[in-house]
Protein backbone atom coordinates (compact mmCIF):
# COMPACT_ATOMS: atom_id res chain seq x y z
CA MET A 1 67.05 -12.77 2.13
CA ILE A 2 69.54 -12.50 -0.76
CA ARG A 3 72.63 -10.29 -0.67
CA HIS A 4 73.89 -9.06 -4.05
CA ILE A 5 77.42 -7.64 -4.14
CA CYS A 6 78.96 -6.21 -7.31
CA MET A 7 82.45 -4.71 -7.25
CA PHE A 8 84.03 -2.72 -10.06
CA SER A 9 87.45 -1.44 -11.04
CA ILE A 10 87.02 1.86 -12.86
CA LYS A 11 89.04 2.87 -15.93
CA GLU A 12 91.82 5.40 -15.27
CA GLU A 13 90.47 7.93 -17.78
CA ASN A 14 88.33 10.47 -15.86
CA LYS A 15 88.39 8.08 -12.89
CA GLU A 16 87.30 10.50 -10.14
CA ALA A 17 84.43 11.89 -12.19
CA SER A 18 83.35 8.36 -13.10
CA ILE A 19 83.41 7.26 -9.46
CA THR A 20 81.42 10.32 -8.38
CA GLU A 21 78.79 9.59 -11.03
CA PHE A 22 78.74 5.87 -10.11
CA LEU A 23 78.06 6.76 -6.48
CA ARG A 24 75.31 9.22 -7.41
CA ARG A 25 73.55 6.83 -9.78
CA GLY A 26 74.04 3.86 -7.46
CA LYS A 27 72.38 5.70 -4.57
CA GLU A 28 69.39 6.42 -6.80
CA LEU A 29 69.29 2.76 -7.82
CA ALA A 30 69.28 1.73 -4.14
CA LYS A 31 65.87 3.44 -3.76
CA LEU A 32 64.14 0.92 -6.03
CA PRO A 33 61.22 -0.80 -4.26
CA THR A 34 62.58 -4.33 -4.84
CA ILE A 35 65.70 -3.48 -2.80
CA HIS A 36 65.23 -4.07 0.93
CA SER A 37 68.41 -2.20 1.87
CA GLY A 38 71.52 -1.08 0.09
CA GLN A 39 74.93 0.48 0.25
CA VAL A 40 76.94 2.11 -2.51
CA VAL A 41 80.58 2.41 -1.47
CA ARG A 42 84.05 3.32 -2.67
CA LYS A 43 87.32 1.90 -1.41
CA THR A 44 89.10 3.60 1.47
CA GLU A 45 92.02 5.86 0.63
CA GLY A 46 95.35 4.12 1.23
CA VAL A 47 94.23 0.52 0.67
CA PRO A 48 96.00 -1.55 -2.02
CA ASN A 49 95.51 -0.33 -5.58
CA ALA A 50 94.59 -3.89 -6.56
CA ASN A 51 91.33 -3.56 -4.58
CA TYR A 52 88.15 -2.79 -6.50
CA ASP A 53 87.23 0.91 -6.63
CA VAL A 54 83.48 0.83 -5.94
CA ALA A 55 80.76 -1.63 -4.97
CA LEU A 56 77.01 -2.09 -4.72
CA ILE A 57 75.79 -4.10 -1.73
CA PHE A 58 72.05 -4.67 -2.03
CA ASP A 59 69.77 -6.93 0.02
CA PHE A 60 66.59 -8.38 -1.47
CA ASN A 61 63.78 -10.09 0.44
CA THR A 62 63.47 -12.85 -2.16
CA LEU A 63 65.26 -14.28 -5.17
CA GLU A 64 62.27 -13.12 -7.21
CA ASP A 65 62.96 -9.52 -6.12
CA LEU A 66 66.59 -9.87 -7.22
CA ASN A 67 65.51 -11.31 -10.57
CA ALA A 68 63.02 -8.45 -11.07
CA TYR A 69 65.78 -5.94 -10.27
CA GLN A 70 68.09 -7.49 -12.87
CA VAL A 71 65.69 -6.66 -15.72
CA CYS A 72 64.14 -3.40 -14.49
CA PRO A 73 64.81 -0.39 -16.77
CA GLU A 74 66.71 1.55 -14.10
CA HIS A 75 69.15 -1.30 -13.54
CA VAL A 76 69.58 -1.92 -17.26
CA ALA A 77 70.40 1.79 -17.77
CA PHE A 78 72.84 1.70 -14.84
CA GLY A 79 74.49 -1.36 -16.37
CA ARG A 80 74.98 0.47 -19.66
CA PHE A 81 76.57 3.41 -17.82
CA VAL A 82 78.89 1.13 -15.83
CA GLY A 83 79.83 -0.79 -18.96
CA GLY A 84 81.40 2.38 -20.31
CA ILE A 85 83.51 3.16 -17.24
CA ARG A 86 84.50 -0.21 -15.80
CA GLU A 87 87.71 -2.05 -16.28
CA SER A 88 86.57 -5.21 -14.47
CA ARG A 89 83.68 -6.57 -12.41
CA ALA A 90 83.09 -9.26 -9.79
CA CYS A 91 79.69 -10.24 -8.43
CA ILE A 92 78.22 -12.68 -5.91
CA ASP A 93 74.67 -13.39 -4.73
CA TYR A 94 74.11 -15.39 -1.54
CA GLU A 95 71.55 -16.07 1.16
CA ILE A 96 71.83 -14.25 4.47
């Protein structure tokens, strides 16, 4: 199984609205059939401001499923949306 974690810092402009929309769209994305299980989360109130604001934590049965997800239209559209609201991004994929 492959775990895919992407964390994002969101731009200050319209930050709360952007986070709300990220969470909504991310939860829809988590329903894709190639995703075995998933979480879409935001940082806890009161933690350091330097922490990332939101994250996707998705598990895939195989590397092939992850690769299919990367190019599926829903993910590509989500990536375009996030590209407009993110300040920075960090990602890791690893076996669990």
